[in-house]
PDB file of all heavy atoms in Angstrom:
ATOM      1  N   VAL A   1       0.879  -1.171   0.001  1.00  0.00           N
ATOM      2  CA  VAL A   1      -0.003   0.003   0.000  1.00  0.00           C
ATOM      3  C   VAL A   1       0.912   1.217  -0.003  1.00  0.00           C
ATOM      4  O   VAL A   1       1.484   1.588   1.030  1.00  0.00           O
ATOM      5  CB  VAL A   1      -0.933   0.023   1.225  1.00  0.00           C
ATOM      6  CG1 VAL A   1      -1.781   1.282   1.209  1.00  0.00           C
ATOM      7  CG2 VAL A   1      -1.816  -1.210   1.244  1.00  0.00           C
ATOM      8  N   GLY A   2       1.075   1.814  -1.160  1.00  0.00           N
ATOM      9  CA  GLY A   2       2.068   2.874  -1.257  1.00  0.00           C
ATOM     10  C   GLY A   2       3.453   2.268  -1.425  1.00  0.00           C
ATOM     11  O   GLY A   2       3.649   1.300  -2.158  1.00  0.00           O
ATOM     12  N   LYS A   3       4.409   2.770  -0.673  1.00  0.00           N
ATOM     13  CA  LYS A   3       5.805   2.358  -0.838  1.00  0.00           C
ATOM     14  C   LYS A   3       6.154   1.113  -0.029  1.00  0.00           C
ATOM     15  O   LYS A   3       7.175   0.474  -0.280  1.00  0.00           O
ATOM     16  CB  LYS A   3       6.743   3.507  -0.426  1.00  0.00           C
ATOM     17  CG  LYS A   3       6.586   4.758  -1.285  1.00  0.00           C
ATOM     18  CD  LYS A   3       7.490   5.876  -0.815  1.00  0.00           C
ATOM     19  CE  LYS A   3       7.314   7.124  -1.641  1.00  0.00           C
ATOM     20  NZ  LYS A   3       8.163   8.248  -1.156  1.00  0.00           N
ATOM     21  N   GLU A   4       5.354   0.782   0.972  1.00  0.00           N
ATOM     22  CA  GLU A   4       5.684  -0.328   1.871  1.00  0.00           C
ATOM     23  C   GLU A   4       4.513  -1.289   2.003  1.00  0.00           C
ATOM     24  O   GLU A   4       3.377  -0.998   1.633  1.00  0.00           O
ATOM     25  CB  GLU A   4       6.064   0.206   3.256  1.00  0.00           C
ATOM     26  CG  GLU A   4       7.211   1.213   3.271  1.00  0.00           C
ATOM     27  CD  GLU A   4       8.557   0.583   2.933  1.00  0.00           C
ATOM     28  OE1 GLU A   4       8.627  -0.655   2.824  1.00  0.00           O
ATOM     29  OE2 GLU A   4       9.533   1.339   2.775  1.00  0.00           O
ATOM     30  N   SER A   5       4.811  -2.460   2.563  1.00  0.00           N
ATOM     31  CA  SER A   5       3.765  -3.451   2.820  1.00  0.00           C
ATOM     32  C   SER A   5       2.987  -3.080   4.071  1.00  0.00           C
ATOM     33  O   SER A   5       3.437  -2.286   4.912  1.00  0.00           O
ATOM     34  CB  SER A   5       4.403  -4.823   2.986  1.00  0.00           C
ATOM     35  OG  SER A   5       5.197  -4.854   4.168  1.00  0.00           O
ATOM     36  N   LEU A   6       1.816  -3.682   4.214  1.00  0.00           N
ATOM     37  CA  LEU A   6       0.990  -3.433   5.395  1.00  0.00           C
ATOM     38  C   LEU A   6       1.718  -3.812   6.683  1.00  0.00           C
ATOM     39  O   LEU A   6       1.641  -3.077   7.671  1.00  0.00           O
ATOM     40  CB  LEU A   6      -0.326  -4.209   5.292  1.00  0.00           C
ATOM     41  CG  LEU A   6      -1.333  -3.700   4.244  1.00  0.00           C
ATOM     42  CD1 LEU A   6      -2.476  -4.692   4.113  1.00  0.00           C
ATOM     43  CD2 LEU A   6      -1.846  -2.316   4.618  1.00  0.00           C
ATOM     44  N   VAL A   7       2.405  -4.934   6.667  1.00  0.00           N
ATOM     45  CA  VAL A   7       3.090  -5.359   7.893  1.00  0.00           C
ATOM     46  C   VAL A   7       4.242  -4.420   8.230  1.00  0.00           C
ATOM     47  O   VAL A   7       4.485  -4.125   9.408  1.00  0.00           O
ATOM     48  CB  VAL A   7       3.575  -6.820   7.778  1.00  0.00           C
ATOM     49  CG1 VAL A   7       4.664  -6.984   6.732  1.00  0.00           C
ATOM     50  CG2 VAL A   7       4.045  -7.338   9.132  1.00  0.00           C
ATOM     51  N   TYR A   8       4.947  -3.940   7.230  1.00  0.00           N
ATOM     52  CA  TYR A   8       6.041  -3.000   7.497  1.00  0.00           C
ATOM     53  C   TYR A   8       5.499  -1.700   8.071  1.00  0.00           C
ATOM     54  O   TYR A   8       6.038  -1.180   9.062  1.00  0.00           O
ATOM     55  CB  TYR A   8       6.805  -2.714   6.186  1.00  0.00           C
ATOM     56  CG  TYR A   8       8.071  -1.920   6.389  1.00  0.00           C
ATOM     57  CD1 TYR A   8       9.313  -2.575   6.450  1.00  0.00           C
ATOM     58  CD2 TYR A   8       8.055  -0.536   6.506  1.00  0.00           C
ATOM     59  CE1 TYR A   8      10.485  -1.856   6.631  1.00  0.00           C
ATOM     60  CE2 TYR A   8       9.218   0.185   6.703  1.00  0.00           C
ATOM     61  CZ  TYR A   8      10.434  -0.471   6.762  1.00  0.00           C
ATOM     62  OH  TYR A   8      11.590   0.237   6.961  1.00  0.00           O
ATOM     63  N   LEU A   9       4.437  -1.189   7.487  1.00  0.00           N
ATOM     64  CA  LEU A   9       3.844   0.061   7.971  1.00  0.00           C
ATOM     65  C   LEU A   9       3.366  -0.091   9.416  1.00  0.00           C
ATOM     66  O   LEU A   9       3.533   0.834  10.226  1.00  0.00           O
ATOM     67  CB  LEU A   9       2.683   0.471   7.087  1.00  0.00           C
ATOM     68  CG  LEU A   9       3.031   0.955   5.662  1.00  0.00           C
ATOM     69  CD1 LEU A   9       1.782   1.112   4.835  1.00  0.00           C
ATOM     70  CD2 LEU A   9       3.840   2.244   5.704  1.00  0.00           C
ATOM     71  N   ALA A  10       2.771  -1.241   9.740  1.00  0.00           N
ATOM     72  CA  ALA A  10       2.264  -1.453  11.096  1.00  0.00           C
ATOM     73  C   ALA A  10       3.410  -1.476  12.113  1.00  0.00           C
ATOM     74  O   ALA A  10       3.314  -0.837  13.173  1.00  0.00           O
ATOM     75  CB  ALA A  10       1.478  -2.758  11.153  1.00  0.00           C
ATOM     76  N   CYS A  11       4.461  -2.197  11.803  1.00  0.00           N
ATOM     77  CA  CYS A  11       5.600  -2.274  12.717  1.00  0.00           C
ATOM     78  C   CYS A  11       6.272  -0.912  12.887  1.00  0.00           C
ATOM     79  O   CYS A  11       6.600  -0.501  14.011  1.00  0.00           O
ATOM     80  CB  CYS A  11       6.619  -3.293  12.209  1.00  0.00           C
ATOM     81  SG  CYS A  11       6.027  -4.993  12.222  1.00  0.00           S
ATOM     82  N   GLU A  12       6.453  -0.219  11.788  1.00  0.00           N
ATOM     83  CA  GLU A  12       7.069   1.119  11.832  1.00  0.00           C
ATOM     84  C   GLU A  12       6.236   2.080  12.670  1.00  0.00           C
ATOM     85  O   GLU A  12       6.775   2.873  13.455  1.00  0.00           O
ATOM     86  CB  GLU A  12       7.212   1.643  10.402  1.00  0.00           C
ATOM     87  CG  GLU A  12       7.982   2.947  10.279  1.00  0.00           C
ATOM     88  CD  GLU A  12       8.154   3.360   8.846  1.00  0.00           C
ATOM     89  OE1 GLU A  12       7.138   3.392   8.094  1.00  0.00           O
ATOM     90  OE2 GLU A  12       9.290   3.661   8.428  1.00  0.00           O
ATOM     91  N   LYS A  13       4.919   1.979  12.517  1.00  0.00           N
ATOM     92  CA  LYS A  13       3.991   2.864  13.245  1.00  0.00           C
ATOM     93  C   LYS A  13       4.084   2.654  14.748  1.00  0.00           C
ATOM     94  O   LYS A  13       4.155   3.610  15.526  1.00  0.00           O
ATOM     95  CB  LYS A  13       2.567   2.574  12.756  1.00  0.00           C
ATOM     96  CG  LYS A  13       1.495   3.421  13.362  1.00  0.00           C
ATOM     97  CD  LYS A  13       0.152   3.046  12.740  1.00  0.00           C
ATOM     98  CE  LYS A  13       0.217   3.119  11.243  1.00  0.00           C
ATOM     99  NZ  LYS A  13      -1.044   2.691  10.600  1.00  0.00           N
ATOM    100  N   LEU A  14       4.095   1.388  15.177  1.00  0.00           N
ATOM    101  CA  LEU A  14       4.181   1.105  16.604  1.00  0.00           C
ATOM    102  C   LEU A  14       5.528   1.510  17.178  1.00  0.00           C
ATOM    103  O   LEU A  14       5.621   1.968  18.322  1.00  0.00           O
ATOM    104  CB  LEU A  14       3.899  -0.364  16.860  1.00  0.00           C
ATOM    105  CG  LEU A  14       2.464  -0.778  17.176  1.00  0.00           C
ATOM    106  CD1 LEU A  14       2.030  -0.207  18.505  1.00  0.00           C
ATOM    107  CD2 LEU A  14       1.498  -0.370  16.087  1.00  0.00           C
ATOM    108  N   LEU A  15       6.582   1.360  16.400  1.00  0.00           N
ATOM    109  CA  LEU A  15       7.925   1.764  16.837  1.00  0.00           C
ATOM    110  C   LEU A  15       7.981   3.281  17.033  1.00  0.00           C
ATOM    111  O   LEU A  15       8.782   3.768  17.846  1.00  0.00           O
ATOM    112  CB  LEU A  15       8.984   1.310  15.853  1.00  0.00           C
ATOM    113  CG  LEU A  15       9.284  -0.180  15.819  1.00  0.00           C
ATOM    114  CD1 LEU A  15      10.151  -0.531  14.614  1.00  0.00           C
ATOM    115  CD2 LEU A  15       9.980  -0.633  17.114  1.00  0.00           C
ATOM    116  N   ASP A  16       7.160   4.011  16.295  1.00  0.00           N
ATOM    117  CA  ASP A  16       7.142   5.484  16.403  1.00  0.00           C
ATOM    118  C   ASP A  16       6.329   5.983  17.594  1.00  0.00           C
ATOM    119  O   ASP A  16       6.375   7.169  17.908  1.00  0.00           O
ATOM    120  CB  ASP A  16       6.554   6.102  15.120  1.00  0.00           C
ATOM    121  CG  ASP A  16       7.541   6.032  13.951  1.00  0.00           C
ATOM    122  OD1 ASP A  16       8.747   5.850  14.199  1.00  0.00           O
ATOM    123  OD2 ASP A  16       7.076   6.140  12.788  1.00  0.00           O
ATOM    124  N   CYS A  17       5.573   5.097  18.244  1.00  0.00           N
ATOM    125  CA  CYS A  17       4.733   5.510  19.368  1.00  0.00           C
ATOM    126  C   CYS A  17       5.588   5.760  20.599  1.00  0.00           C
ATOM    127  O   CYS A  17       6.345   4.885  21.044  1.00  0.00           O
ATOM    128  CB  CYS A  17       3.708   4.417  19.680  1.00  0.00           C
ATOM    129  SG  CYS A  17       2.418   4.251  18.456  1.00  0.00           S
ATOM    130  N   VAL A  18       5.455   6.939  21.182  1.00  0.00           N
ATOM    131  CA  VAL A  18       6.277   7.288  22.358  1.00  0.00           C
ATOM    132  C   VAL A  18       5.814   6.561  23.611  1.00  0.00           C
ATOM    133  O   VAL A  18       6.573   6.414  24.567  1.00  0.00           O
ATOM    134  CB  VAL A  18       6.258   8.818  22.602  1.00  0.00           C
ATOM    135  CG1 VAL A  18       6.871   9.556  21.417  1.00  0.00           C
ATOM    136  CG2 VAL A  18       4.847   9.314  22.870  1.00  0.00           C
ATOM    137  N   ASN A  19       4.565   6.077  23.609  1.00  0.00           N
ATOM    138  CA  ASN A  19       4.032   5.430  24.796  1.00  0.00           C
ATOM    139  C   ASN A  19       4.152   3.895  24.760  1.00  0.00           C
ATOM    140  O   ASN A  19       3.657   3.209  25.645  1.00  0.00           O
ATOM    141  CB  ASN A  19       2.556   5.795  24.990  1.00  0.00           C
ATOM    142  CG  ASN A  19       2.386   7.260  25.355  1.00  0.00           C
ATOM    143  OD1 ASN A  19       3.169   7.818  26.108  1.00  0.00           O
ATOM    144  ND2 ASN A  19       1.356   7.893  24.812  1.00  0.00           N
ATOM    145  N   VAL A  20       4.800   3.367  23.738  1.00  0.00           N
ATOM    146  CA  VAL A  20       5.005   1.930  23.607  1.00  0.00           C
ATOM    147  C   VAL A  20       6.476   1.635  23.869  1.00  0.00           C
ATOM    148  O   VAL A  20       7.360   2.176  23.209  1.00  0.00           O
ATOM    149  CB  VAL A  20       4.584   1.415  22.223  1.00  0.00           C
ATOM    150  CG1 VAL A  20       4.888  -0.080  22.086  1.00  0.00           C
ATOM    151  CG2 VAL A  20       3.108   1.668  21.982  1.00  0.00           C
ATOM    152  N   ASP A  21       6.736   0.760  24.817  1.00  0.00           N
ATOM    153  CA  ASP A  21       8.119   0.457  25.197  1.00  0.00           C
ATOM    154  C   ASP A  21       8.763  -0.575  24.282  1.00  0.00           C
ATOM    155  O   ASP A  21       9.922  -0.419  23.897  1.00  0.00           O
ATOM    156  CB  ASP A  21       8.164  -0.042  26.656  1.00  0.00           C
ATOM    157  CG  ASP A  21       7.761   1.039  27.643  1.00  0.00           C
ATOM    158  OD1 ASP A  21       8.528   1.997  27.805  1.00  0.00           O
ATOM    159  OD2 ASP A  21       6.661   0.950  28.212  1.00  0.00           O
ATOM    160  N   GLU A  22       8.037  -1.636  23.961  1.00  0.00           N
ATOM    161  CA  GLU A  22       8.603  -2.675  23.102  1.00  0.00           C
ATOM    162  C   GLU A  22       7.556  -3.116  22.088  1.00  0.00           C
ATOM    163  O   GLU A  22       6.366  -3.201  22.409  1.00  0.00           O
ATOM    164  CB  GLU A  22       9.061  -3.884  23.926  1.00  0.00           C
ATOM    165  CG  GLU A  22      10.237  -3.570  24.837  1.00  0.00           C
ATOM    166  CD  GLU A  22      10.724  -4.785  25.621  1.00  0.00           C
ATOM    167  OE1 GLU A  22      10.190  -5.909  25.407  1.00  0.00           O
ATOM    168  OE2 GLU A  22      11.626  -4.632  26.459  1.00  0.00           O
ATOM    169  N   VAL A  23       8.032  -3.424  20.863  1.00  0.00           N
ATOM    170  CA  VAL A  23       7.135  -3.834  19.784  1.00  0.00           C
ATOM    171  C   VAL A  23       7.569  -5.222  19.302  1.00  0.00           C
ATOM    172  O   VAL A  23       8.744  -5.440  18.978  1.00  0.00           O
ATOM    173  CB  VAL A  23       7.168  -2.846  18.607  1.00  0.00           C
ATOM    174  CG1 VAL A  23       6.233  -3.324  17.487  1.00  0.00           C
ATOM    175  CG2 VAL A  23       6.776  -1.456  19.072  1.00  0.00           C
ATOM    176  N   TYR A  24       6.604  -6.132  19.233  1.00  0.00           N
ATOM    177  CA  TYR A  24       6.867  -7.500  18.807  1.00  0.00           C
ATOM    178  C   TYR A  24       6.007  -7.843  17.589  1.00  0.00           C
ATOM    179  O   TYR A  24       4.820  -7.535  17.566  1.00  0.00           O
ATOM    180  CB  TYR A  24       6.507  -8.497  19.916  1.00  0.00           C
ATOM    181  CG  TYR A  24       7.354  -8.386  21.161  1.00  0.00           C
ATOM    182  CD1 TYR A  24       7.081  -7.423  22.124  1.00  0.00           C
ATOM    183  CD2 TYR A  24       8.420  -9.256  21.397  1.00  0.00           C
ATOM    184  CE1 TYR A  24       7.850  -7.311  23.286  1.00  0.00           C
ATOM    185  CE2 TYR A  24       9.191  -9.173  22.544  1.00  0.00           C
ATOM    186  CZ  TYR A  24       8.900  -8.195  23.480  1.00  0.00           C
ATOM    187  OH  TYR A  24       9.657  -8.090  24.631  1.00  0.00           O
ATOM    188  N   LEU A  25       6.614  -8.483  16.607  1.00  0.00           N
ATOM    189  CA  LEU A  25       5.875  -9.024  15.466  1.00  0.00           C
ATOM    190  C   LEU A  25       5.780 -10.520  15.658  1.00  0.00           C
ATOM    191  O   LEU A  25       6.784 -11.215  15.786  1.00  0.00           O
ATOM    192  CB  LEU A  25       6.585  -8.702  14.158  1.00  0.00           C
ATOM    193  CG  LEU A  25       5.959  -9.331  12.915  1.00  0.00           C
ATOM    194  CD1 LEU A  25       4.588  -8.736  12.627  1.00  0.00           C
ATOM    195  CD2 LEU A  25       6.871  -9.161  11.698  1.00  0.00           C
ATOM    196  N   ASP A  26       4.554 -11.027  15.647  1.00  0.00           N
ATOM    197  CA  ASP A  26       4.282 -12.453  15.874  1.00  0.00           C
ATOM    198  C   ASP A  26       3.877 -13.087  14.538  1.00  0.00           C
ATOM    199  O   ASP A  26       2.786 -12.804  14.028  1.00  0.00           O
ATOM    200  CB  ASP A  26       3.167 -12.599  16.918  1.00  0.00           C
ATOM    201  CG  ASP A  26       2.716 -14.028  17.075  1.00  0.00           C
ATOM    202  OD1 ASP A  26       3.481 -14.947  16.751  1.00  0.00           O
ATOM    203  OD2 ASP A  26       1.573 -14.231  17.539  1.00  0.00           O
ATOM    204  N   THR A  27       4.750 -13.931  13.973  1.00  0.00           N
ATOM    205  CA  THR A  27       4.458 -14.518  12.662  1.00  0.00           C
ATOM    206  C   THR A  27       5.132 -15.876  12.497  1.00  0.00           C
ATOM    207  O   THR A  27       6.156 -16.148  13.125  1.00  0.00           O
ATOM    208  CB  THR A  27       4.906 -13.571  11.540  1.00  0.00           C
ATOM    209  OG1 THR A  27       4.499 -14.121  10.257  1.00  0.00           O
ATOM    210  CG2 THR A  27       6.424 -13.377  11.543  1.00  0.00           C
ATOM    211  N   GLU A  28       4.536 -16.693  11.638  1.00  0.00           N
ATOM    212  CA  GLU A  28       5.138 -17.969  11.269  1.00  0.00           C
ATOM    213  C   GLU A  28       5.813 -17.889   9.905  1.00  0.00           C
ATOM    214  O   GLU A  28       6.476 -18.828   9.456  1.00  0.00           O
ATOM    215  CB  GLU A  28       4.058 -19.064  11.249  1.00  0.00           C
ATOM    216  CG  GLU A  28       3.326 -19.253   9.940  1.00  0.00           C
ATOM    217  CD  GLU A  28       2.473 -18.084   9.467  1.00  0.00           C
ATOM    218  OE1 GLU A  28       2.295 -17.124  10.232  1.00  0.00           O
ATOM    219  OE2 GLU A  28       1.957 -18.124   8.336  1.00  0.00           O
ATOM    220  N   CYS A  29       5.673 -16.719   9.237  1.00  0.00           N
ATOM    221  CA  CYS A  29       6.013 -16.576   7.827  1.00  0.00           C
ATOM    222  C   CYS A  29       7.426 -15.987   7.621  1.00  0.00           C
ATOM    223  O   CYS A  29       7.713 -14.882   8.076  1.00  0.00           O
ATOM    224  CB  CYS A  29       4.974 -15.691   7.153  1.00  0.00           C
ATOM    225  SG  CYS A  29       5.277 -15.394   5.403  1.00  0.00           S
ATOM    226  N   SER A  30       8.264 -16.717   6.909  1.00  0.00           N
ATOM    227  CA  SER A  30       9.635 -16.256   6.665  1.00  0.00           C
ATOM    228  C   SER A  30       9.644 -15.030   5.752  1.00  0.00           C
ATOM    229  O   SER A  30      10.511 -14.156   5.882  1.00  0.00           O
ATOM    230  CB  SER A  30      10.480 -17.372   6.052  1.00  0.00           C
ATOM    231  OG  SER A  30       9.892 -17.840   4.831  1.00  0.00           O
ATOM    232  N   ASP A  31       8.681 -14.942   4.815  1.00  0.00           N
ATOM    233  CA  ASP A  31       8.627 -13.780   3.932  1.00  0.00           C
ATOM    234  C   ASP A  31       8.299 -12.496   4.720  1.00  0.00           C
ATOM    235  O   ASP A  31       8.831 -11.430   4.445  1.00  0.00           O
ATOM    236  CB  ASP A  31       7.560 -13.983   2.845  1.00  0.00           C
ATOM    237  CG  ASP A  31       7.975 -15.026   1.810  1.00  0.00           C
ATOM    238  OD1 ASP A  31       9.199 -15.276   1.701  1.00  0.00           O
ATOM    239  OD2 ASP A  31       7.098 -15.583   1.145  1.00  0.00           O
ATOM    240  N   ILE A  32       7.410 -12.625   5.706  1.00  0.00           N
ATOM    241  CA  ILE A  32       7.091 -11.479   6.544  1.00  0.00           C
ATOM    242  C   ILE A  32       8.289 -11.071   7.397  1.00  0.00           C
ATOM    243  O   ILE A  32       8.596  -9.889   7.521  1.00  0.00           O
ATOM    244  CB  ILE A  32       5.875 -11.797   7.425  1.00  0.00           C
ATOM    245  CG1 ILE A  32       4.590 -11.795   6.586  1.00  0.00           C
ATOM    246  CG2 ILE A  32       5.730 -10.786   8.569  1.00  0.00           C
ATOM    247  CD1 ILE A  32       3.324 -12.121   7.335  1.00  0.00           C
ATOM    248  N   ARG A  33       8.989 -12.048   7.933  1.00  0.00           N
ATOM    249  CA  ARG A  33      10.183 -11.734   8.739  1.00  0.00           C
ATOM    250  C   ARG A  33      11.222 -11.021   7.885  1.00  0.00           C
ATOM    251  O   ARG A  33      11.865 -10.066   8.338  1.00  0.00           O
ATOM    252  CB  ARG A  33      10.762 -13.010   9.357  1.00  0.00           C
ATOM    253  CG  ARG A  33       9.897 -13.611  10.442  1.00  0.00           C
ATOM    254  CD  ARG A  33      10.665 -14.651  11.237  1.00  0.00           C
ATOM    255  NE  ARG A  33      10.968 -15.835  10.469  1.00  0.00           N
ATOM    256  CZ  ARG A  33      10.193 -16.922  10.406  1.00  0.00           C
ATOM    257  NH1 ARG A  33       9.050 -16.953  11.068  1.00  0.00           N
ATOM    258  NH2 ARG A  33      10.546 -17.978   9.684  1.00  0.00           N
ATOM    259  N   ALA A  34      11.380 -11.461   6.640  1.00  0.00           N
ATOM    260  CA  ALA A  34      12.338 -10.815   5.755  1.00  0.00           C
ATOM    261  C   ALA A  34      11.929  -9.395   5.409  1.00  0.00           C
ATOM    262  O   ALA A  34      12.763  -8.488   5.306  1.00  0.00           O
ATOM    263  CB  ALA A  34      12.484 -11.647   4.468  1.00  0.00           C
ATOM    264  N   GLN A  35      10.614  -9.199   5.261  1.00  0.00           N
ATOM    265  CA  GLN A  35      10.084  -7.874   4.902  1.00  0.00           C
ATOM    266  C   GLN A  35      10.405  -6.825   5.952  1.00  0.00           C
ATOM    267  O   GLN A  35      10.686  -5.664   5.623  1.00  0.00           O
ATOM    268  CB  GLN A  35       8.568  -7.992   4.711  1.00  0.00           C
ATOM    269  CG  GLN A  35       7.864  -6.715   4.362  1.00  0.00           C
ATOM    270  CD  GLN A  35       8.070  -6.308   2.913  1.00  0.00           C
ATOM    271  OE1 GLN A  35       7.954  -5.136   2.592  1.00  0.00           O
ATOM    272  NE2 GLN A  35       8.338  -7.243   2.028  1.00  0.00           N
ATOM    273  N   VAL A  36      10.356  -7.185   7.225  1.00  0.00           N
ATOM    274  CA  VAL A  36      10.555  -6.204   8.310  1.00  0.00           C
ATOM    275  C   VAL A  36      11.979  -6.207   8.874  1.00  0.00           C
ATOM    276  O   VAL A  36      12.244  -5.529   9.860  1.00  0.00           O
ATOM    277  CB  VAL A  36       9.540  -6.452   9.443  1.00  0.00           C
ATOM    278  CG1 VAL A  36       8.111  -6.322   8.921  1.00  0.00           C
ATOM    279  CG2 VAL A  36       9.770  -7.813  10.095  1.00  0.00           C
TER     280      VAL A  36
END
C-alpha cells in the first residue's frame, strides 16, 4: 500500500509511538520476517 507493505507500515507505526516500550511481530512466515 504505497511504498511499503501493510506489515512494514504497522511495525514502523508502533515503533514510532512514544508510549510503547517494546514492539513484537508475531508470525510464522519467513517472507514477513524478511520484509521487516
